[in-house]
Amino acid sequence: MRKFLLLIFITGSWAALADQVPSADAEEVRAQLQDYYFDAARRGDVPMLETFIEAGYSLDTRDEKGYTALILAAYHGHGPAVERLLAAGADACAQDQRGNTALMGAIFKGEVQIARRLLSTDCSPDQRNGAGQTAAMYAGLFKRGELLDALKAKGADLEARDPLGNTPVDLANGEIRMPAPH
C-alpha cells in the first residue's frame, strides 16, 4: 500500500494510481489518501497539503461529516494552512452536512484572524446553516463583537432572524429566545 502512496506523491500523478493499483485495492488507497489529507489539515501540515495540491488532489473532498480540509484547518486554528488552501482554490463557501462553513467554525473556536481572512472571500455573509443560523449569529452568540462588526461591514444582515426569532444583536446582548417547552 505504501508503495502506491509513494508512487502518487513522487510522480504527482493520479494516473499512476490507476495504472499501478489493482481495482480491489484502489478504494482502500483512496480512503487512506483522504485520511492523510484531512489529518494534514487538522494538524496544519502545510508541506503535506502542498503535496496534495501539487498532485492535483481535489481540495474540496469531504469526509463522512461533510468537512473539507479548509473547514478542518479553520476550526483547528491553522492560519497558514487556511491561507494555502484558499490560494490553491479551496471553496470557502463549502458547507458540512449541518450547513456550517469554515467561517462559522473559526468564529465558534474564537479564531479571529482566520475568520477575518475567510471574510475576505466571495462568500455571502448571510449564508445559513441547517439550523437557520448565520455567521453573524455565531459572532453574536459567542460574543465576538469585533467579528460582528466585520460581518456588518461586509454586508451581513444583523436583523436576520433564526427560526426562534433571534437576531445577531439579540444574541450578542444575551437576549436569547429558547424553544418553547413541550
N, C-alpha and C. Protein backbone atom coordinates (compact mmCIF):
# COMPACT_ATOMS: atom_id res chain seq x y z
N MET A 1 0.82 -1.19 0.00
CA MET A 1 0.00 0.00 0.00
C MET A 1 0.87 1.25 0.00
N ARG A 2 1.89 1.28 0.85
CA ARG A 2 2.78 2.44 0.91
C ARG A 2 3.45 2.69 -0.44
N LYS A 3 3.77 1.60 -1.14
CA LYS A 3 4.40 1.75 -2.45
C LYS A 3 3.51 2.58 -3.37
N PHE A 4 2.23 2.35 -3.34
CA PHE A 4 1.31 3.07 -4.21
C PHE A 4 1.18 4.53 -3.77
N LEU A 5 1.13 4.75 -2.47
CA LEU A 5 1.06 6.12 -1.97
C LEU A 5 2.31 6.90 -2.35
N LEU A 6 3.47 6.26 -2.16
CA LEU A 6 4.72 6.93 -2.53
C LEU A 6 4.77 7.21 -4.03
N LEU A 7 4.28 6.28 -4.83
CA LEU A 7 4.28 6.48 -6.27
C LEU A 7 3.46 7.72 -6.63
N ILE A 8 2.33 7.87 -6.00
CA ILE A 8 1.48 9.02 -6.26
C ILE A 8 2.19 10.31 -5.85
N PHE A 9 2.76 10.31 -4.63
CA PHE A 9 3.42 11.52 -4.16
C PHE A 9 4.66 11.86 -4.98
N ILE A 10 5.43 10.85 -5.35
CA ILE A 10 6.65 11.09 -6.10
C ILE A 10 6.34 11.59 -7.51
N THR A 11 5.41 10.94 -8.17
CA THR A 11 5.11 11.32 -9.55
C THR A 11 4.12 12.47 -9.62
N GLY A 12 3.37 12.68 -8.52
CA GLY A 12 2.35 13.72 -8.54
C GLY A 12 1.23 13.38 -9.50
N SER A 13 1.05 12.13 -9.78
CA SER A 13 0.09 11.73 -10.81
C SER A 13 -0.93 10.75 -10.26
N TRP A 14 -2.19 11.12 -10.39
CA TRP A 14 -3.26 10.19 -10.02
C TRP A 14 -3.37 9.09 -11.07
N ALA A 15 -2.89 9.34 -12.29
CA ALA A 15 -2.87 8.30 -13.31
C ALA A 15 -2.00 7.14 -12.86
N ALA A 16 -0.94 7.44 -12.11
CA ALA A 16 -0.08 6.38 -11.59
C ALA A 16 -0.87 5.43 -10.70
N LEU A 17 -1.82 5.97 -9.97
CA LEU A 17 -2.67 5.14 -9.13
C LEU A 17 -3.48 4.18 -9.98
N ALA A 18 -4.11 4.69 -11.01
CA ALA A 18 -4.95 3.87 -11.87
C ALA A 18 -4.14 2.78 -12.57
N ASP A 19 -2.90 3.09 -12.94
CA ASP A 19 -2.06 2.13 -13.66
C ASP A 19 -1.45 1.07 -12.76
N GLN A 20 -1.23 1.38 -11.50
CA GLN A 20 -0.45 0.51 -10.63
C GLN A 20 -1.25 -0.23 -9.56
N VAL A 21 -2.44 0.23 -9.26
CA VAL A 21 -3.20 -0.36 -8.17
C VAL A 21 -4.32 -1.23 -8.71
N PRO A 22 -4.36 -2.49 -8.30
CA PRO A 22 -5.50 -3.33 -8.70
C PRO A 22 -6.79 -2.68 -8.22
N SER A 23 -7.85 -2.83 -8.99
CA SER A 23 -9.10 -2.13 -8.69
C SER A 23 -9.62 -2.45 -7.29
N ALA A 24 -9.39 -3.65 -6.80
CA ALA A 24 -9.86 -4.02 -5.47
C ALA A 24 -9.16 -3.20 -4.38
N ASP A 25 -7.92 -2.79 -4.65
CA ASP A 25 -7.16 -2.02 -3.67
C ASP A 25 -7.34 -0.51 -3.84
N ALA A 26 -7.85 -0.09 -4.96
CA ALA A 26 -7.94 1.33 -5.25
C ALA A 26 -8.78 2.08 -4.22
N GLU A 27 -9.88 1.49 -3.79
CA GLU A 27 -10.74 2.14 -2.80
C GLU A 27 -10.02 2.29 -1.47
N GLU A 28 -9.26 1.29 -1.09
CA GLU A 28 -8.51 1.37 0.16
C GLU A 28 -7.44 2.46 0.08
N VAL A 29 -6.78 2.57 -1.06
CA VAL A 29 -5.77 3.61 -1.25
C VAL A 29 -6.43 4.98 -1.22
N ARG A 30 -7.57 5.11 -1.90
CA ARG A 30 -8.29 6.38 -1.92
C ARG A 30 -8.67 6.79 -0.50
N ALA A 31 -9.17 5.86 0.29
CA ALA A 31 -9.57 6.16 1.67
C ALA A 31 -8.36 6.55 2.52
N GLN A 32 -7.25 5.87 2.32
CA GLN A 32 -6.06 6.19 3.09
C GLN A 32 -5.51 7.57 2.71
N LEU A 33 -5.51 7.87 1.42
CA LEU A 33 -5.07 9.21 0.99
C LEU A 33 -5.97 10.29 1.58
N GLN A 34 -7.26 10.04 1.56
CA GLN A 34 -8.20 11.01 2.12
C GLN A 34 -7.92 11.22 3.60
N ASP A 35 -7.64 10.14 4.33
CA ASP A 35 -7.31 10.26 5.75
C ASP A 35 -6.06 11.11 5.95
N TYR A 36 -5.03 10.89 5.12
CA TYR A 36 -3.80 11.68 5.21
C TYR A 36 -4.09 13.16 4.94
N TYR A 37 -4.92 13.40 3.95
CA TYR A 37 -5.27 14.77 3.57
C TYR A 37 -5.97 15.50 4.72
N PHE A 38 -6.98 14.87 5.29
CA PHE A 38 -7.71 15.51 6.37
C PHE A 38 -6.85 15.63 7.64
N ASP A 39 -6.00 14.64 7.88
CA ASP A 39 -5.10 14.73 9.03
C ASP A 39 -4.13 15.90 8.86
N ALA A 40 -3.63 16.10 7.64
CA ALA A 40 -2.73 17.23 7.38
C ALA A 40 -3.44 18.55 7.65
N ALA A 41 -4.70 18.66 7.28
CA ALA A 41 -5.47 19.88 7.53
C ALA A 41 -5.68 20.08 9.02
N ARG A 42 -6.03 19.04 9.75
CA ARG A 42 -6.25 19.14 11.20
C ARG A 42 -4.98 19.58 11.93
N ARG A 43 -3.82 19.11 11.44
CA ARG A 43 -2.53 19.42 12.07
C ARG A 43 -1.91 20.71 11.54
N GLY A 44 -2.47 21.23 10.45
CA GLY A 44 -1.87 22.43 9.86
C GLY A 44 -0.57 22.14 9.14
N ASP A 45 -0.44 20.94 8.61
CA ASP A 45 0.78 20.49 7.93
C ASP A 45 0.79 21.03 6.50
N VAL A 46 1.29 22.26 6.33
CA VAL A 46 1.28 22.91 5.02
C VAL A 46 2.12 22.15 3.99
N PRO A 47 3.31 21.65 4.33
CA PRO A 47 4.07 20.89 3.32
C PRO A 47 3.29 19.67 2.80
N MET A 48 2.60 18.97 3.68
CA MET A 48 1.81 17.81 3.23
C MET A 48 0.64 18.28 2.37
N LEU A 49 -0.02 19.34 2.78
CA LEU A 49 -1.12 19.88 1.96
C LEU A 49 -0.58 20.32 0.61
N GLU A 50 0.60 20.89 0.59
CA GLU A 50 1.22 21.31 -0.67
C GLU A 50 1.43 20.11 -1.59
N THR A 51 1.82 18.98 -1.03
CA THR A 51 2.00 17.76 -1.83
C THR A 51 0.68 17.36 -2.49
N PHE A 52 -0.38 17.41 -1.72
CA PHE A 52 -1.70 17.08 -2.29
C PHE A 52 -2.09 18.09 -3.37
N ILE A 53 -1.84 19.36 -3.11
CA ILE A 53 -2.18 20.40 -4.09
C ILE A 53 -1.41 20.18 -5.38
N GLU A 54 -0.11 19.96 -5.27
CA GLU A 54 0.74 19.76 -6.45
C GLU A 54 0.34 18.51 -7.23
N ALA A 55 -0.16 17.50 -6.52
CA ALA A 55 -0.57 16.26 -7.17
C ALA A 55 -1.96 16.36 -7.80
N GLY A 56 -2.62 17.49 -7.62
CA GLY A 56 -3.94 17.67 -8.22
C GLY A 56 -5.08 17.06 -7.42
N TYR A 57 -4.87 16.83 -6.15
CA TYR A 57 -5.92 16.25 -5.31
C TYR A 57 -7.09 17.23 -5.24
N SER A 58 -8.29 16.72 -5.21
CA SER A 58 -9.48 17.57 -5.14
C SER A 58 -9.56 18.24 -3.77
N LEU A 59 -9.37 19.54 -3.74
CA LEU A 59 -9.29 20.28 -2.48
C LEU A 59 -10.59 20.27 -1.70
N ASP A 60 -11.71 20.11 -2.38
CA ASP A 60 -13.00 20.15 -1.71
C ASP A 60 -13.57 18.77 -1.43
N THR A 61 -12.69 17.77 -1.40
CA THR A 61 -13.09 16.43 -0.98
C THR A 61 -13.67 16.55 0.43
N ARG A 62 -14.69 15.73 0.71
CA ARG A 62 -15.37 15.79 2.01
C ARG A 62 -15.24 14.47 2.75
N ASP A 63 -15.20 14.57 4.08
CA ASP A 63 -15.20 13.36 4.89
C ASP A 63 -16.65 12.96 5.18
N GLU A 64 -16.83 12.00 6.05
CA GLU A 64 -18.17 11.46 6.32
C GLU A 64 -19.10 12.48 6.98
N LYS A 65 -18.56 13.55 7.56
CA LYS A 65 -19.38 14.61 8.16
C LYS A 65 -19.53 15.81 7.23
N GLY A 66 -18.96 15.69 6.05
CA GLY A 66 -19.04 16.77 5.08
C GLY A 66 -17.96 17.82 5.24
N TYR A 67 -17.01 17.58 6.15
CA TYR A 67 -15.93 18.55 6.35
C TYR A 67 -14.98 18.53 5.17
N THR A 68 -14.52 19.71 4.79
CA THR A 68 -13.45 19.84 3.82
C THR A 68 -12.16 20.13 4.60
N ALA A 69 -11.03 20.07 3.91
CA ALA A 69 -9.76 20.40 4.56
C ALA A 69 -9.78 21.84 5.06
N LEU A 70 -10.39 22.74 4.30
CA LEU A 70 -10.46 24.14 4.72
C LEU A 70 -11.27 24.29 6.01
N ILE A 71 -12.39 23.62 6.09
CA ILE A 71 -13.20 23.67 7.31
C ILE A 71 -12.38 23.17 8.51
N LEU A 72 -11.68 22.06 8.31
CA LEU A 72 -10.88 21.48 9.41
C LEU A 72 -9.73 22.40 9.81
N ALA A 73 -9.01 22.94 8.83
CA ALA A 73 -7.88 23.82 9.13
C ALA A 73 -8.36 25.08 9.87
N ALA A 74 -9.48 25.64 9.44
CA ALA A 74 -10.01 26.84 10.09
C ALA A 74 -10.44 26.53 11.52
N TYR A 75 -11.16 25.46 11.71
CA TYR A 75 -11.66 25.07 13.02
C TYR A 75 -10.52 24.82 14.00
N HIS A 76 -9.42 24.23 13.49
CA HIS A 76 -8.29 23.89 14.36
C HIS A 76 -7.26 25.01 14.46
N GLY A 77 -7.56 26.17 13.88
CA GLY A 77 -6.73 27.34 14.08
C GLY A 77 -5.43 27.38 13.31
N HIS A 78 -5.39 26.79 12.14
CA HIS A 78 -4.15 26.75 11.36
C HIS A 78 -4.21 27.75 10.21
N GLY A 79 -3.89 29.00 10.54
CA GLY A 79 -3.94 30.09 9.57
C GLY A 79 -3.13 29.85 8.31
N PRO A 80 -1.86 29.41 8.41
CA PRO A 80 -1.09 29.17 7.18
C PRO A 80 -1.72 28.09 6.29
N ALA A 81 -2.29 27.06 6.88
CA ALA A 81 -2.96 26.02 6.09
C ALA A 81 -4.22 26.60 5.43
N VAL A 82 -4.97 27.41 6.15
CA VAL A 82 -6.15 28.06 5.57
C VAL A 82 -5.71 28.91 4.38
N GLU A 83 -4.68 29.70 4.57
CA GLU A 83 -4.19 30.58 3.51
C GLU A 83 -3.77 29.78 2.28
N ARG A 84 -3.03 28.70 2.49
CA ARG A 84 -2.56 27.89 1.35
C ARG A 84 -3.72 27.24 0.62
N LEU A 85 -4.67 26.71 1.34
CA LEU A 85 -5.83 26.08 0.71
C LEU A 85 -6.65 27.10 -0.07
N LEU A 86 -6.84 28.28 0.49
CA LEU A 86 -7.57 29.32 -0.23
C LEU A 86 -6.82 29.73 -1.49
N ALA A 87 -5.51 29.90 -1.38
CA ALA A 87 -4.70 30.30 -2.54
C ALA A 87 -4.76 29.25 -3.65
N ALA A 88 -4.92 28.00 -3.25
CA ALA A 88 -4.98 26.90 -4.23
C ALA A 88 -6.37 26.72 -4.81
N GLY A 89 -7.36 27.45 -4.27
CA GLY A 89 -8.70 27.39 -4.84
C GLY A 89 -9.73 26.63 -4.04
N ALA A 90 -9.46 26.31 -2.78
CA ALA A 90 -10.46 25.63 -1.95
C ALA A 90 -11.70 26.52 -1.82
N ASP A 91 -12.85 25.90 -1.77
CA ASP A 91 -14.13 26.61 -1.70
C ASP A 91 -14.41 27.07 -0.28
N ALA A 92 -14.30 28.37 -0.05
CA ALA A 92 -14.54 28.94 1.28
C ALA A 92 -16.01 28.90 1.67
N CYS A 93 -16.88 28.73 0.70
CA CYS A 93 -18.33 28.73 0.97
C CYS A 93 -18.88 27.33 1.23
N ALA A 94 -18.03 26.31 1.11
CA ALA A 94 -18.47 24.92 1.29
C ALA A 94 -19.08 24.73 2.67
N GLN A 95 -20.12 23.93 2.73
CA GLN A 95 -20.81 23.65 3.98
C GLN A 95 -20.69 22.17 4.32
N ASP A 96 -20.58 21.88 5.62
CA ASP A 96 -20.57 20.49 6.05
C ASP A 96 -22.00 19.95 6.04
N GLN A 97 -22.21 18.75 6.53
CA GLN A 97 -23.55 18.16 6.49
C GLN A 97 -24.57 18.94 7.32
N ARG A 98 -24.13 19.71 8.26
CA ARG A 98 -25.04 20.53 9.07
C ARG A 98 -25.16 21.94 8.52
N GLY A 99 -24.46 22.20 7.42
CA GLY A 99 -24.53 23.50 6.79
C GLY A 99 -23.53 24.52 7.31
N ASN A 100 -22.68 24.10 8.23
CA ASN A 100 -21.69 25.02 8.78
C ASN A 100 -20.52 25.21 7.81
N THR A 101 -19.96 26.40 7.82
CA THR A 101 -18.85 26.75 6.94
C THR A 101 -17.56 26.89 7.74
N ALA A 102 -16.45 27.06 7.02
CA ALA A 102 -15.17 27.31 7.68
C ALA A 102 -15.25 28.58 8.53
N LEU A 103 -15.93 29.60 8.03
CA LEU A 103 -16.08 30.84 8.77
C LEU A 103 -16.82 30.60 10.08
N MET A 104 -17.90 29.85 10.04
CA MET A 104 -18.65 29.56 11.26
C MET A 104 -17.80 28.81 12.27
N GLY A 105 -17.00 27.84 11.77
CA GLY A 105 -16.11 27.09 12.65
C GLY A 105 -15.05 27.98 13.30
N ALA A 106 -14.49 28.88 12.51
CA ALA A 106 -13.47 29.79 13.04
C ALA A 106 -14.08 30.72 14.09
N ILE A 107 -15.28 31.21 13.85
CA ILE A 107 -15.94 32.08 14.84
C ILE A 107 -16.22 31.29 16.12
N PHE A 108 -16.76 30.10 15.97
CA PHE A 108 -17.06 29.25 17.13
C PHE A 108 -15.83 29.04 17.99
N LYS A 109 -14.69 28.76 17.35
CA LYS A 109 -13.46 28.48 18.08
C LYS A 109 -12.70 29.74 18.52
N GLY A 110 -13.17 30.91 18.12
CA GLY A 110 -12.50 32.14 18.51
C GLY A 110 -11.25 32.43 17.70
N GLU A 111 -11.17 31.88 16.51
CA GLU A 111 -10.02 32.09 15.62
C GLU A 111 -10.29 33.37 14.80
N VAL A 112 -10.07 34.50 15.44
CA VAL A 112 -10.44 35.79 14.88
C VAL A 112 -9.69 36.09 13.58
N GLN A 113 -8.37 35.87 13.55
CA GLN A 113 -7.60 36.17 12.34
C GLN A 113 -8.04 35.30 11.17
N ILE A 114 -8.29 34.04 11.44
CA ILE A 114 -8.76 33.14 10.38
C ILE A 114 -10.14 33.58 9.91
N ALA A 115 -11.00 33.93 10.84
CA ALA A 115 -12.34 34.40 10.47
C ALA A 115 -12.24 35.65 9.60
N ARG A 116 -11.37 36.56 9.96
CA ARG A 116 -11.18 37.77 9.15
C ARG A 116 -10.71 37.42 7.74
N ARG A 117 -9.80 36.46 7.65
CA ARG A 117 -9.32 36.05 6.32
C ARG A 117 -10.46 35.44 5.51
N LEU A 118 -11.27 34.62 6.13
CA LEU A 118 -12.39 33.99 5.44
C LEU A 118 -13.44 35.01 5.03
N LEU A 119 -13.55 36.09 5.79
CA LEU A 119 -14.48 37.17 5.44
C LEU A 119 -14.07 37.88 4.16
N SER A 120 -12.80 37.76 3.79
CA SER A 120 -12.33 38.43 2.57
C SER A 120 -12.63 37.63 1.30
N THR A 121 -13.25 36.46 1.46
CA THR A 121 -13.61 35.65 0.29
C THR A 121 -14.95 36.13 -0.27
N ASP A 122 -15.38 35.51 -1.36
CA ASP A 122 -16.61 35.93 -2.03
C ASP A 122 -17.88 35.28 -1.47
N CYS A 123 -17.81 34.67 -0.32
CA CYS A 123 -19.00 34.02 0.26
C CYS A 123 -19.97 35.07 0.80
N SER A 124 -21.24 34.73 0.75
CA SER A 124 -22.26 35.61 1.33
C SER A 124 -22.11 35.64 2.84
N PRO A 125 -22.11 36.82 3.45
CA PRO A 125 -22.04 36.88 4.91
C PRO A 125 -23.33 36.37 5.56
N ASP A 126 -24.37 36.18 4.77
CA ASP A 126 -25.65 35.72 5.30
C ASP A 126 -25.95 34.26 4.97
N GLN A 127 -24.93 33.52 4.59
CA GLN A 127 -25.09 32.09 4.33
C GLN A 127 -25.58 31.43 5.62
N ARG A 128 -26.58 30.55 5.49
CA ARG A 128 -27.18 29.91 6.67
C ARG A 128 -26.82 28.43 6.76
N ASN A 129 -26.73 27.96 7.98
CA ASN A 129 -26.52 26.53 8.18
C ASN A 129 -27.89 25.83 8.26
N GLY A 130 -27.88 24.54 8.51
CA GLY A 130 -29.11 23.77 8.55
C GLY A 130 -30.06 24.18 9.67
N ALA A 131 -29.54 24.85 10.69
CA ALA A 131 -30.37 25.33 11.80
C ALA A 131 -30.86 26.75 11.57
N GLY A 132 -30.56 27.30 10.38
CA GLY A 132 -31.02 28.64 10.06
C GLY A 132 -30.16 29.75 10.64
N GLN A 133 -28.96 29.41 11.07
CA GLN A 133 -28.07 30.40 11.68
C GLN A 133 -27.06 30.93 10.66
N THR A 134 -26.66 32.18 10.85
CA THR A 134 -25.64 32.81 10.01
C THR A 134 -24.35 32.97 10.81
N ALA A 135 -23.29 33.34 10.12
CA ALA A 135 -22.02 33.61 10.80
C ALA A 135 -22.18 34.75 11.80
N ALA A 136 -22.99 35.75 11.48
CA ALA A 136 -23.23 36.87 12.40
C ALA A 136 -23.92 36.37 13.67
N MET A 137 -24.80 35.41 13.54
CA MET A 137 -25.46 34.85 14.72
C MET A 137 -24.44 34.13 15.61
N TYR A 138 -23.49 33.42 14.97
CA TYR A 138 -22.41 32.79 15.74
C TYR A 138 -21.59 33.87 16.45
N ALA A 139 -21.24 34.93 15.72
CA ALA A 139 -20.44 36.00 16.32
C ALA A 139 -21.17 36.62 17.50
N GLY A 140 -22.47 36.82 17.38
CA GLY A 140 -23.25 37.36 18.48
C GLY A 140 -23.31 36.40 19.65
N LEU A 141 -23.65 35.16 19.38
CA LEU A 141 -23.79 34.15 20.44
C LEU A 141 -22.51 33.96 21.22
N PHE A 142 -21.37 33.94 20.51
CA PHE A 142 -20.09 33.68 21.18
C PHE A 142 -19.33 34.96 21.55
N LYS A 143 -20.07 36.08 21.53
CA LYS A 143 -19.53 37.37 22.00
C LYS A 143 -18.26 37.77 21.25
N ARG A 144 -18.28 37.62 19.94
CA ARG A 144 -17.16 38.02 19.10
C ARG A 144 -17.51 39.35 18.42
N GLY A 145 -17.58 40.39 19.25
CA GLY A 145 -18.03 41.70 18.78
C GLY A 145 -17.23 42.24 17.62
N GLU A 146 -15.91 42.05 17.64
CA GLU A 146 -15.08 42.55 16.55
C GLU A 146 -15.43 41.85 15.23
N LEU A 147 -15.83 40.59 15.31
CA LEU A 147 -16.23 39.88 14.09
C LEU A 147 -17.65 40.27 13.67
N LEU A 148 -18.48 40.57 14.64
CA LEU A 148 -19.83 41.04 14.32
C LEU A 148 -19.73 42.36 13.55
N ASP A 149 -18.83 43.23 13.98
CA ASP A 149 -18.61 44.49 13.26
C ASP A 149 -18.06 44.24 11.85
N ALA A 150 -17.13 43.30 11.73
CA ALA A 150 -16.55 42.97 10.42
C ALA A 150 -17.61 42.37 9.49
N LEU A 151 -18.47 41.54 10.04
CA LEU A 151 -19.56 40.96 9.24
C LEU A 151 -20.53 42.04 8.78
N LYS A 152 -20.83 42.97 9.67
CA LYS A 152 -21.71 44.09 9.30
C LYS A 152 -21.08 44.89 8.16
N ALA A 153 -19.78 45.14 8.27
CA ALA A 153 -19.07 45.90 7.22
C ALA A 153 -19.09 45.16 5.89
N LYS A 154 -19.14 43.83 5.95
CA LYS A 154 -19.20 43.03 4.72
C LYS A 154 -20.63 42.98 4.16
N GLY A 155 -21.59 43.47 4.92
CA GLY A 155 -22.96 43.49 4.44
C GLY A 155 -23.88 42.50 5.10
N ALA A 156 -23.43 41.86 6.18
CA ALA A 156 -24.29 40.90 6.88
C ALA A 156 -25.53 41.59 7.42
N ASP A 157 -26.63 40.90 7.35
CA ASP A 157 -27.91 41.41 7.85
C ASP A 157 -27.99 41.14 9.35
N LEU A 158 -27.77 42.17 10.17
CA LEU A 158 -27.80 42.00 11.61
C LEU A 158 -29.22 41.96 12.17
N GLU A 159 -30.21 42.10 11.28
CA GLU A 159 -31.60 41.97 11.68
C GLU A 159 -32.18 40.61 11.26
N ALA A 160 -31.36 39.79 10.60
CA ALA A 160 -31.82 38.45 10.20
C ALA A 160 -32.18 37.66 11.46
N ARG A 161 -33.17 36.82 11.34
CA ARG A 161 -33.63 36.03 12.49
C ARG A 161 -33.45 34.54 12.25
N ASP A 162 -33.06 33.84 13.31
CA ASP A 162 -33.01 32.39 13.23
C ASP A 162 -34.44 31.85 13.41
N PRO A 163 -34.67 30.55 13.31
CA PRO A 163 -36.03 30.02 13.43
C PRO A 163 -36.73 30.34 14.77
N LEU A 164 -35.95 30.68 15.79
CA LEU A 164 -36.55 31.04 17.08
C LEU A 164 -36.80 32.53 17.21
N GLY A 165 -36.34 33.31 16.22
CA GLY A 165 -36.55 34.75 16.24
C GLY A 165 -35.36 35.55 16.74
N ASN A 166 -34.24 34.90 17.02
CA ASN A 166 -33.05 35.59 17.50
C ASN A 166 -32.33 36.30 16.36
N THR A 167 -31.89 37.52 16.60
CA THR A 167 -31.03 38.23 15.66
C THR A 167 -29.60 38.18 16.21
N PRO A 168 -28.61 38.48 15.37
CA PRO A 168 -27.23 38.53 15.88
C PRO A 168 -27.07 39.52 17.04
N VAL A 169 -27.75 40.65 16.95
CA VAL A 169 -27.66 41.66 18.01
C VAL A 169 -28.30 41.14 19.30
N ASP A 170 -29.47 40.48 19.18
CA ASP A 170 -30.10 39.88 20.36
C ASP A 170 -29.13 38.92 21.04
N LEU A 171 -28.52 38.07 20.24
CA LEU A 171 -27.60 37.07 20.79
C LEU A 171 -26.40 37.73 21.45
N ALA A 172 -25.87 38.77 20.83
CA ALA A 172 -24.73 39.49 21.40
C ALA A 172 -25.09 40.14 22.73
N ASN A 173 -26.35 40.56 22.87
CA ASN A 173 -26.82 41.20 24.10
C ASN A 173 -27.32 40.21 25.13
N GLY A 174 -27.22 38.91 24.84
CA GLY A 174 -27.66 37.88 25.78
C GLY A 174 -29.17 37.70 25.82
N GLU A 175 -29.86 38.25 24.85
CA GLU A 175 -31.33 38.14 24.79
C GLU A 175 -31.69 36.96 23.89
N ILE A 176 -31.53 35.77 24.42
CA ILE A 176 -31.68 34.55 23.63
C ILE A 176 -33.06 33.95 23.81
N ARG A 177 -33.75 33.79 22.70
CA ARG A 177 -35.04 33.09 22.71
C ARG A 177 -34.77 31.60 22.63
N MET A 178 -35.44 30.85 23.47
CA MET A 178 -35.27 29.40 23.51
C MET A 178 -36.53 28.74 23.01
N PRO A 179 -36.43 27.48 22.57
CA PRO A 179 -37.64 26.77 22.13
C PRO A 179 -38.62 26.64 23.29
N ALA A 180 -39.89 26.70 22.96
CA ALA A 180 -40.94 26.55 23.98
C ALA A 180 -40.93 25.10 24.48
N PRO A 181 -41.13 24.92 25.79
CA PRO A 181 -41.20 23.54 26.33
C PRO A 181 -42.43 22.84 25.77
N HIS A 182 -42.32 21.57 25.61
CA HIS A 182 -43.43 20.79 25.04
C HIS A 182 -44.33 20.28 26.11
